[in-house]
N, C-alpha and C. Protein backbone atom coordinates (compact mmCIF):
# COMPACT_ATOMS: atom_id res chain seq x y z
N UNK A 1 14.07 25.33 59.95
CA UNK A 1 13.94 24.86 58.59
C UNK A 1 15.29 25.02 57.91
N UNK A 2 15.74 23.98 57.22
CA UNK A 2 17.02 24.04 56.52
C UNK A 2 16.93 25.01 55.35
N UNK A 3 18.08 25.61 55.04
CA UNK A 3 18.13 26.58 53.94
C UNK A 3 17.68 25.96 52.63
N UNK A 4 18.09 24.73 52.37
CA UNK A 4 17.71 24.09 51.11
C UNK A 4 16.21 23.84 51.04
N UNK A 5 15.61 23.48 52.18
CA UNK A 5 14.16 23.26 52.22
C UNK A 5 13.41 24.57 52.02
N UNK A 6 13.90 25.62 52.67
CA UNK A 6 13.25 26.92 52.54
C UNK A 6 13.38 27.43 51.11
N UNK A 7 14.55 27.25 50.52
CA UNK A 7 14.76 27.66 49.13
C UNK A 7 13.84 26.89 48.20
N UNK A 8 13.71 25.60 48.42
CA UNK A 8 12.81 24.78 47.61
C UNK A 8 11.37 25.25 47.79
N UNK A 9 11.00 25.57 49.02
CA UNK A 9 9.65 26.05 49.27
C UNK A 9 9.38 27.37 48.56
N UNK A 10 10.35 28.30 48.68
CA UNK A 10 10.20 29.61 48.04
C UNK A 10 10.10 29.44 46.53
N UNK A 11 10.94 28.57 45.95
CA UNK A 11 10.88 28.32 44.51
C UNK A 11 9.52 27.73 44.13
N UNK A 12 9.03 26.82 44.95
CA UNK A 12 7.72 26.21 44.68
C UNK A 12 6.59 27.22 44.77
N UNK A 13 6.65 28.07 45.78
CA UNK A 13 5.63 29.10 45.93
C UNK A 13 5.67 30.06 44.74
N UNK A 14 6.88 30.46 44.35
CA UNK A 14 7.02 31.38 43.23
C UNK A 14 6.50 30.76 41.94
N UNK A 15 6.84 29.50 41.69
CA UNK A 15 6.37 28.81 40.48
C UNK A 15 4.85 28.65 40.52
N UNK A 16 4.34 28.26 41.68
CA UNK A 16 2.89 28.11 41.81
C UNK A 16 2.16 29.42 41.65
N UNK A 17 2.72 30.47 42.23
CA UNK A 17 2.10 31.79 42.12
C UNK A 17 2.10 32.26 40.67
N UNK A 18 3.22 32.06 39.99
CA UNK A 18 3.31 32.48 38.58
C UNK A 18 2.30 31.71 37.73
N UNK A 19 2.24 30.41 37.93
CA UNK A 19 1.28 29.60 37.16
C UNK A 19 -0.15 30.00 37.50
N UNK A 20 -0.39 30.22 38.78
CA UNK A 20 -1.74 30.60 39.19
C UNK A 20 -2.16 31.93 38.61
N UNK A 21 -1.25 32.87 38.59
CA UNK A 21 -1.57 34.19 38.04
C UNK A 21 -1.83 34.10 36.54
N UNK A 22 -1.00 33.33 35.85
CA UNK A 22 -1.15 33.21 34.41
C UNK A 22 -2.40 32.43 34.00
N UNK A 23 -2.77 31.46 34.80
CA UNK A 23 -3.87 30.57 34.43
C UNK A 23 -5.14 30.80 35.24
N UNK A 24 -5.09 31.73 36.15
CA UNK A 24 -6.21 31.92 37.07
C UNK A 24 -7.44 32.50 36.38
N UNK A 25 -8.59 31.92 36.66
CA UNK A 25 -9.83 32.48 36.14
C UNK A 25 -10.32 33.65 37.00
N UNK A 26 -9.76 33.78 38.20
CA UNK A 26 -10.18 34.83 39.13
C UNK A 26 -9.45 36.14 38.85
N UNK A 27 -9.99 37.21 39.41
CA UNK A 27 -9.32 38.50 39.34
C UNK A 27 -8.07 38.45 40.21
N UNK A 28 -7.19 39.41 39.99
CA UNK A 28 -5.92 39.46 40.70
C UNK A 28 -6.06 39.49 42.20
N UNK A 29 -7.02 40.27 42.72
CA UNK A 29 -7.16 40.37 44.18
C UNK A 29 -7.57 39.04 44.79
N UNK A 30 -8.41 38.28 44.09
CA UNK A 30 -8.81 36.97 44.60
C UNK A 30 -7.64 35.99 44.53
N UNK A 31 -6.86 36.07 43.46
CA UNK A 31 -5.69 35.20 43.31
C UNK A 31 -4.67 35.50 44.41
N UNK A 32 -4.42 36.77 44.67
CA UNK A 32 -3.47 37.14 45.72
C UNK A 32 -3.95 36.65 47.08
N UNK A 33 -5.24 36.72 47.32
CA UNK A 33 -5.80 36.24 48.59
C UNK A 33 -5.58 34.73 48.73
N UNK A 34 -5.71 34.01 47.64
CA UNK A 34 -5.47 32.56 47.66
C UNK A 34 -4.00 32.26 47.98
N UNK A 35 -3.10 33.05 47.40
CA UNK A 35 -1.67 32.86 47.65
C UNK A 35 -1.36 33.12 49.12
N UNK A 36 -1.92 34.19 49.66
CA UNK A 36 -1.71 34.52 51.08
C UNK A 36 -2.25 33.39 51.96
N UNK A 37 -3.41 32.85 51.62
CA UNK A 37 -3.99 31.75 52.39
C UNK A 37 -3.09 30.52 52.34
N UNK A 38 -2.52 30.24 51.18
CA UNK A 38 -1.62 29.09 51.04
C UNK A 38 -0.38 29.29 51.91
N UNK A 39 0.18 30.49 51.89
CA UNK A 39 1.35 30.78 52.72
C UNK A 39 1.02 30.61 54.20
N UNK A 40 -0.14 31.08 54.61
CA UNK A 40 -0.56 30.96 56.01
C UNK A 40 -0.74 29.50 56.40
N UNK A 41 -1.26 28.68 55.49
CA UNK A 41 -1.38 27.25 55.75
C UNK A 41 -0.02 26.63 56.03
N UNK A 42 1.00 27.14 55.35
CA UNK A 42 2.36 26.63 55.50
C UNK A 42 3.07 27.27 56.70
N UNK A 43 2.37 28.16 57.41
CA UNK A 43 2.95 28.79 58.59
C UNK A 43 3.83 29.99 58.28
N UNK A 44 3.67 30.55 57.09
CA UNK A 44 4.47 31.71 56.70
C UNK A 44 3.52 32.88 56.46
N UNK A 45 3.69 33.91 57.27
CA UNK A 45 2.84 35.08 57.11
C UNK A 45 3.23 35.84 55.85
N UNK A 46 2.31 36.62 55.36
CA UNK A 46 2.57 37.44 54.17
C UNK A 46 3.75 38.38 54.43
N UNK A 47 3.78 38.99 55.61
CA UNK A 47 4.86 39.91 55.95
C UNK A 47 6.21 39.19 56.00
N UNK A 48 6.22 38.00 56.59
CA UNK A 48 7.46 37.23 56.68
C UNK A 48 7.95 36.85 55.27
N UNK A 49 7.03 36.41 54.43
CA UNK A 49 7.40 36.03 53.06
C UNK A 49 7.93 37.25 52.31
N UNK A 50 7.26 38.38 52.43
CA UNK A 50 7.71 39.60 51.76
C UNK A 50 9.07 40.04 52.29
N UNK A 51 9.30 39.84 53.58
CA UNK A 51 10.60 40.19 54.16
C UNK A 51 11.70 39.32 53.57
N UNK A 52 11.45 38.02 53.47
CA UNK A 52 12.45 37.11 52.89
C UNK A 52 12.72 37.49 51.44
N UNK A 53 11.67 37.72 50.67
CA UNK A 53 11.83 38.09 49.26
C UNK A 53 12.57 39.42 49.15
N UNK A 54 12.25 40.36 50.02
CA UNK A 54 12.92 41.66 50.00
C UNK A 54 14.40 41.54 50.26
N UNK A 55 14.77 40.71 51.24
CA UNK A 55 16.19 40.51 51.54
C UNK A 55 16.91 39.86 50.37
N UNK A 56 16.26 38.87 49.76
CA UNK A 56 16.88 38.21 48.60
C UNK A 56 17.05 39.21 47.46
N UNK A 57 16.02 40.00 47.19
CA UNK A 57 16.11 40.99 46.11
C UNK A 57 17.22 42.00 46.36
N UNK A 58 17.33 42.48 47.59
CA UNK A 58 18.36 43.48 47.88
C UNK A 58 19.75 42.90 47.69
N UNK A 59 19.93 41.64 48.05
CA UNK A 59 21.23 41.00 47.86
C UNK A 59 21.48 40.71 46.38
N UNK A 60 20.45 40.30 45.65
CA UNK A 60 20.62 40.01 44.23
C UNK A 60 21.02 41.25 43.46
N UNK A 61 20.49 42.40 43.85
CA UNK A 61 20.83 43.64 43.16
C UNK A 61 22.32 43.97 43.25
N UNK A 62 22.99 43.40 44.25
CA UNK A 62 24.42 43.64 44.42
C UNK A 62 25.27 42.79 43.47
N UNK A 63 24.70 41.78 42.86
CA UNK A 63 25.47 40.82 42.08
C UNK A 63 24.98 40.73 40.64
N UNK A 64 25.85 40.25 39.77
CA UNK A 64 25.48 40.04 38.37
C UNK A 64 25.70 38.61 37.93
N UNK A 65 26.56 37.89 38.60
CA UNK A 65 26.89 36.51 38.26
C UNK A 65 25.91 35.56 38.96
N UNK A 66 25.49 34.49 38.28
CA UNK A 66 24.53 33.55 38.87
C UNK A 66 25.05 32.93 40.16
N UNK A 67 26.35 32.63 40.23
CA UNK A 67 26.88 32.03 41.45
C UNK A 67 26.78 33.02 42.61
N UNK A 68 26.95 34.32 42.31
CA UNK A 68 26.80 35.34 43.34
C UNK A 68 25.35 35.42 43.80
N UNK A 69 24.42 35.27 42.87
CA UNK A 69 23.00 35.30 43.22
C UNK A 69 22.65 34.12 44.13
N UNK A 70 23.21 32.96 43.82
CA UNK A 70 22.97 31.78 44.66
C UNK A 70 23.51 32.03 46.06
N UNK A 71 24.67 32.65 46.16
CA UNK A 71 25.25 32.99 47.46
C UNK A 71 24.32 33.95 48.20
N UNK A 72 23.79 34.95 47.49
CA UNK A 72 22.89 35.93 48.10
C UNK A 72 21.64 35.25 48.65
N UNK A 73 21.10 34.30 47.92
CA UNK A 73 19.92 33.57 48.38
C UNK A 73 20.27 32.76 49.62
N UNK A 74 21.40 32.07 49.57
CA UNK A 74 21.83 31.27 50.73
C UNK A 74 22.03 32.14 51.96
N UNK A 75 22.63 33.33 51.78
CA UNK A 75 22.84 34.24 52.90
C UNK A 75 21.50 34.70 53.49
N UNK A 76 20.55 35.01 52.64
CA UNK A 76 19.24 35.46 53.10
C UNK A 76 18.53 34.36 53.87
N UNK A 77 18.62 33.14 53.37
CA UNK A 77 17.98 32.02 54.05
C UNK A 77 18.66 31.74 55.39
N UNK A 78 19.97 31.88 55.44
CA UNK A 78 20.71 31.69 56.69
C UNK A 78 20.29 32.74 57.71
N UNK A 79 20.15 33.99 57.25
CA UNK A 79 19.70 35.05 58.16
C UNK A 79 18.32 34.73 58.71
N UNK A 80 17.45 34.18 57.87
CA UNK A 80 16.10 33.83 58.31
C UNK A 80 16.17 32.71 59.35
N UNK A 81 17.01 31.70 59.11
CA UNK A 81 17.17 30.61 60.08
C UNK A 81 17.69 31.15 61.40
N UNK A 82 18.70 32.02 61.33
CA UNK A 82 19.27 32.58 62.55
C UNK A 82 18.24 33.38 63.34
N UNK A 83 17.41 34.16 62.63
CA UNK A 83 16.40 34.95 63.33
C UNK A 83 15.32 34.06 63.94
N UNK A 84 15.03 32.94 63.29
CA UNK A 84 14.05 32.00 63.85
C UNK A 84 14.60 31.32 65.11
N UNK A 85 15.90 31.03 65.10
CA UNK A 85 16.50 30.36 66.25
C UNK A 85 16.56 31.26 67.47
N UNK A 86 16.67 32.58 67.25
CA UNK A 86 16.75 33.50 68.38
C UNK A 86 15.39 33.81 68.98
N UNK A 87 14.32 33.39 68.36
CA UNK A 87 12.96 33.67 68.87
C UNK A 87 12.58 32.72 69.95
């Protein structure tokens, strides 16, 4: 998966999750289960998604400038692509 596609997917998931949480009629645990099911439909396990988000967060904490944050996201996505290619 290309870095730009993965970034777009992550942004879409985050936006959808935020909207779902804010507008959801269900309790939080049911909403989280729906998000996990959606990720699984897309072929991304909860652990894999959390790993990607964790790597992005750790890199973002190192930077303060938006361009640096974009670089951190790109680096994290590249690492994910590289790890997928070695499997």
